[in-house]
Protein backbone atom coordinates (compact mmCIF):
# COMPACT_ATOMS: atom_id res chain seq x y z
CA MET A 1 80.65 94.75 96.48
CA THR A 2 82.19 97.15 93.94
CA ILE A 3 81.88 97.30 90.16
CA ILE A 4 85.39 95.80 89.89
CA ASP A 5 84.32 92.94 92.14
CA GLY A 6 81.26 92.45 89.91
CA ILE A 7 83.41 92.31 86.76
CA ILE A 8 85.87 89.87 88.32
CA LEU A 9 83.11 87.58 89.55
CA GLY A 10 81.34 87.88 86.20
CA ILE A 11 84.51 86.77 84.42
CA ILE A 12 84.88 83.86 86.82
CA GLN A 13 81.25 82.90 86.16
CA GLY A 14 81.73 83.14 82.40
CA VAL A 15 84.73 80.84 82.48
CA THR A 16 83.52 78.32 85.05
CA GLU A 17 79.86 78.04 83.98
CA PHE A 18 80.79 76.16 80.82
CA LEU A 19 84.09 74.60 81.73
CA PRO A 20 83.09 71.66 83.98
CA ILE A 21 84.59 73.07 87.16
CA SER A 22 81.48 74.47 88.95
CA SER A 23 80.71 78.17 88.54
CA SER A 24 78.85 78.44 91.84
CA GLY A 25 81.66 76.77 93.71
CA HIS A 26 84.26 79.12 92.25
CA LEU A 27 82.08 82.15 93.03
CA VAL A 28 81.94 81.09 96.66
CA ILE A 29 85.71 80.66 96.75
CA ALA A 30 86.33 83.96 94.92
CA GLN A 31 84.08 85.88 97.31
CA GLU A 32 85.96 84.34 100.24
CA LEU A 33 89.36 85.34 98.77
CA LEU A 34 88.17 88.86 97.88
CA GLY A 35 86.53 89.31 101.25
CA ILE A 36 83.10 89.93 99.77
CA GLU A 37 80.18 89.35 102.10
CA GLN A 38 77.08 88.97 99.90
CA PRO A 39 74.26 87.13 101.69
CA GLY A 40 72.17 84.62 99.75
CA ASN A 41 72.73 83.85 96.08
CA GLN A 42 71.24 86.80 94.22
CA PHE A 43 74.50 87.75 92.52
CA GLU A 44 75.16 84.11 91.55
CA ILE A 45 71.79 83.95 89.83
CA LEU A 46 72.34 87.27 88.09
CA VAL A 47 75.62 86.21 86.48
CA HIS A 48 74.02 82.87 85.61
CA LEU A 49 71.56 84.87 83.53
CA GLY A 50 74.55 86.44 81.74
CA THR A 51 75.83 82.99 80.80
CA LEU A 52 72.28 81.96 79.82
CA ALA A 53 72.49 84.63 77.16
CA SER A 54 75.80 83.06 76.02
CA ILE A 55 74.04 79.69 75.53
CA ILE A 56 71.30 81.32 73.49
CA VAL A 57 73.85 83.01 71.24
CA ILE A 58 75.98 79.89 70.64
CA PHE A 59 73.01 77.55 70.19
CA PHE A 60 70.83 80.07 68.38
CA ASP A 61 70.54 77.94 65.24
CA ASP A 62 69.44 74.90 67.28
CA ILE A 63 66.89 76.96 69.20
CA ARG A 64 65.56 78.51 65.99
CA PHE A 65 65.30 75.09 64.36
CA LEU A 66 63.31 73.74 67.32
CA LEU A 67 60.91 76.67 67.19
CA LEU A 68 60.42 76.43 63.41
CA SER A 69 59.93 72.68 63.43
CA ILE A 70 57.69 72.54 66.50
CA ASN A 71 55.05 70.59 64.55
CA LYS A 72 57.44 67.73 63.77
CA LYS A 73 57.39 64.63 66.00
CA ARG A 74 61.19 64.53 66.29
CA THR A 75 61.24 68.09 67.61
CA GLN A 76 58.33 67.45 69.97
CA ARG A 77 60.16 64.40 71.33
CA PHE A 78 63.33 66.41 71.91
CA ILE A 79 61.41 69.14 73.72
CA SER A 80 59.79 66.48 75.90
CA TYR A 81 63.30 65.28 76.77
CA ILE A 82 64.11 68.83 77.92
CA ILE A 83 60.97 68.98 80.03
CA ILE A 84 61.63 65.62 81.68
CA GLY A 85 65.26 66.53 82.32
CA THR A 86 64.19 69.81 83.98
CA ILE A 87 61.77 68.26 86.50
CA PRO A 88 64.36 66.95 89.02
CA ALA A 89 66.12 70.32 89.29
CA VAL A 90 62.80 72.12 89.80
CA CYS A 91 61.77 69.70 92.58
CA LEU A 92 65.13 69.90 94.35
CA GLY A 93 65.44 73.66 93.89
CA LEU A 94 61.99 74.39 95.32
CA GLY A 95 62.05 71.73 98.02
CA LEU A 96 65.48 72.58 99.47
CA LYS A 97 65.67 76.27 98.60
CA ASP A 98 66.69 77.54 102.07
CA THR A 99 69.16 74.75 102.65
CA LEU A 100 70.81 75.27 99.27
CA GLU A 101 71.16 79.01 99.85
CA SER A 102 73.08 78.34 103.07
CA LEU A 103 75.57 76.22 101.14
CA PHE A 104 76.51 79.27 99.06
CA GLU A 105 78.12 80.71 102.18
CA ASN A 106 80.15 77.64 103.21
CA ILE A 107 83.45 77.09 101.41
CA TYR A 108 84.05 73.88 103.38
CA TYR A 109 81.10 72.05 101.72
CA VAL A 110 82.11 73.52 98.38
CA GLY A 111 85.53 71.84 98.66
CA TYR A 112 84.06 68.38 99.11
CA ALA A 113 81.60 69.00 96.24
CA LEU A 114 84.51 69.97 93.95
CA ILE A 115 86.34 66.73 94.85
CA PHE A 116 83.18 64.80 93.95
CA THR A 117 83.00 66.66 90.62
CA GLY A 118 86.66 65.91 89.94
CA ILE A 119 86.13 62.15 90.47
CA ILE A 120 83.13 62.11 88.11
CA LEU A 121 84.95 64.10 85.41
CA PHE A 122 88.09 62.00 85.51
CA SER A 123 86.01 58.83 85.41
CA SER A 124 84.30 60.03 82.23
CA LYS A 125 87.45 59.18 80.22
CA ASN A 126 86.49 55.50 80.68
CA PHE A 127 83.00 55.94 79.26
CA THR A 128 82.76 54.21 75.88
CA ARG A 129 82.06 56.77 73.21
CA ARG A 130 79.00 55.65 71.31
CA ASP A 131 76.29 57.31 69.29
CA LYS A 132 73.06 56.09 70.84
CA ASP A 133 69.79 58.05 70.73
CA ASN A 134 68.41 59.87 73.72
CA SER A 135 65.27 58.54 75.47
CA TYR A 136 62.85 59.52 78.23
CA TYR A 137 64.71 57.33 80.72
CA LYS A 138 68.09 58.81 79.82
CA SER A 139 66.66 62.34 79.95
CA LEU A 140 65.45 61.69 83.49
CA LEU A 141 68.86 60.40 84.60
CA VAL A 142 70.65 63.41 83.07
CA GLY A 143 68.05 65.60 84.78
CA ILE A 144 68.88 64.03 88.13
CA ALA A 145 72.57 64.71 87.46
CA GLN A 146 71.67 68.33 86.72
CA ALA A 147 69.64 68.55 89.93
CA LEU A 148 72.70 67.49 91.98
CA ALA A 149 74.61 70.36 90.41
CA ILE A 150 72.41 72.88 92.24
CA ILE A 151 74.81 72.25 95.11
CA PRO A 152 77.70 74.73 94.81
CA GLY A 153 80.88 72.89 93.87
CA ILE A 154 79.17 70.29 91.71
CA SER A 155 79.48 71.24 88.05
CA ARG A 156 76.24 71.30 86.07
CA SER A 157 77.91 70.86 82.70
CA GLY A 158 80.33 68.31 84.12
CA MET A 159 77.58 66.16 85.66
CA THR A 160 75.14 66.31 82.74
CA ILE A 161 77.70 65.77 79.97
CA SER A 162 79.42 62.94 81.91
CA CYS A 163 76.04 61.28 82.54
CA ALA A 164 75.03 61.59 78.91
CA LEU A 165 78.36 60.11 77.76
CA PHE A 166 77.91 57.24 80.23
CA LEU A 167 74.45 56.57 78.76
CA GLY A 168 75.90 56.27 75.27
CA LEU A 169 75.20 59.66 73.68
CA SER A 170 77.87 61.06 71.38
CA ALA A 171 80.12 63.86 72.66
CA LYS A 172 78.41 66.38 70.38
CA GLU A 173 74.87 65.36 71.35
CA SER A 174 75.79 65.21 75.05
CA ALA A 175 76.99 68.78 74.94
CA ARG A 176 74.01 69.98 72.88
CA TYR A 177 71.48 68.39 75.22
CA SER A 178 73.33 69.55 78.33
CA PHE A 179 73.36 73.22 77.41
CA LEU A 180 69.85 73.35 75.94
CA LEU A 181 68.72 71.65 79.16
CA ALA A 182 70.30 74.51 81.12
CA ILE A 183 68.07 77.15 79.57
CA PRO A 184 64.81 76.49 81.49
CA VAL A 185 66.65 75.84 84.81
CA ILE A 186 68.71 79.05 84.69
CA PHE A 187 65.72 81.07 83.48
CA GLY A 188 63.55 79.58 86.22
CA ALA A 189 66.13 80.40 88.90
CA GLY A 190 66.21 84.00 87.71
CA LEU A 191 62.43 84.22 87.74
CA LEU A 192 62.31 82.84 91.29
CA MET A 193 64.86 85.42 92.39
CA ALA A 194 62.77 88.21 90.84
CA LEU A 195 59.70 87.00 92.73
CA ASP A 196 61.61 86.62 95.97
CA ILE A 197 63.09 90.07 96.44
CA ASP A 198 60.41 91.66 98.58
CA ASP A 199 63.12 93.58 100.42
CA GLY A 200 64.58 94.76 97.14
CA LEU A 201 67.70 93.76 95.22
CA GLN A 202 70.61 93.50 97.64
CA ILE A 203 73.10 94.40 94.92
CA GLU A 204 73.76 97.81 93.34
CA ILE A 205 72.39 98.07 89.81
CA SER A 206 75.80 99.09 88.41
CA VAL A 207 77.44 96.03 90.01
CA ALA A 208 74.68 93.74 88.67
CA ILE A 209 75.09 95.13 85.12
CA ALA A 210 78.89 94.78 85.28
CA GLY A 211 78.53 91.13 86.35
CA LEU A 212 75.96 90.37 83.67
CA ILE A 213 77.97 91.85 80.79
CA SER A 214 81.30 90.35 81.80
CA SER A 215 79.77 86.89 82.38
CA PHE A 216 78.07 87.04 78.98
CA ILE A 217 81.14 88.02 76.96
CA VAL A 218 83.49 85.58 78.68
CA GLY A 219 80.77 82.92 78.59
CA VAL A 220 80.59 83.00 74.80
CA ILE A 221 84.36 82.50 74.50
CA SER A 222 84.43 79.72 77.11
CA LEU A 223 81.52 77.80 75.62
CA LYS A 224 83.13 77.77 72.18
CA TRP A 225 86.37 76.48 73.72
CA LEU A 226 84.62 73.75 75.71
CA LEU A 227 82.73 72.42 72.70
CA GLN A 228 86.08 72.06 70.90
CA LEU A 229 87.65 70.25 73.89
CA ILE A 230 84.72 67.80 74.09
CA GLN A 231 85.14 66.90 70.43
CA GLU A 232 88.86 66.35 71.02
CA GLY A 233 88.18 63.97 73.94
CA LYS A 234 89.85 66.21 76.53
CA PHE A 235 86.78 66.71 78.71
CA HIS A 236 88.11 64.64 81.63
CA TYR A 237 91.22 66.82 82.03
CA PHE A 238 89.20 69.19 84.22
CA GLY A 239 88.68 66.42 86.77
CA VAL A 240 92.24 66.77 88.07
CA TYR A 241 91.77 70.52 88.44
CA CYS A 242 88.51 70.17 90.39
CA PHE A 243 90.02 67.53 92.69
CA PHE A 244 92.96 69.68 93.71
CA VAL A 245 90.98 72.91 94.00
CA GLY A 246 88.55 71.04 96.26
CA ILE A 247 91.36 69.88 98.55
CA ILE A 248 92.80 73.38 98.71
CA SER A 249 89.36 74.86 99.48
CA ILE A 250 88.85 72.53 102.45
CA PHE A 251 92.09 73.70 104.05
CA LEU A 252 91.72 77.34 102.93
């Protein structure tokens, strides 16, 4: 993998991490088209860390508010929602680690996962837009939706935001909870990768840095755009895209 490859894949990650079209799925497809043979999912996790930085930048005020109001019950309740929503992904990620890594090398499974994502996204247009409060039960369901998105081709933002909308959260709160919920999962995946590289990093440092920087910059732009689209009620448009990309991937 060259620096140019790292930049291209970083840009793809930055765009697809926040737009509900599955970043991991598109990285698998892009590596197939570019002829890149990168075993495992180390690079995928690295560029996910780049987009993690994007979330922190965009939601910096929310994060700072949570830290400064940690003694308030409302803040403590919201943090508990984040913890509960994180548990399913942790259990699935640790329990099926080897199986999930093999999926990152199979474009056929990615295609079917993208079709599934497309169906969920397009269906979200029928979810009644309400303004209900979050709860422990809803947090767990959104967490399960996030856990499913560990499979490449299933969009994390697409699944979590769609699930939150279905449960009655407003579009703004659904997006806020979805992306704050991503922080511990992405950070945890990066930490696991760091602890699991006994044989050393399988990617050149220059390529890793190129991927991180490009995914961060493009991620900031993409996240701002997505938040605007959610407010405008255009979230489900991406369902059609995922459906057709999934079909193309299966026959690629």
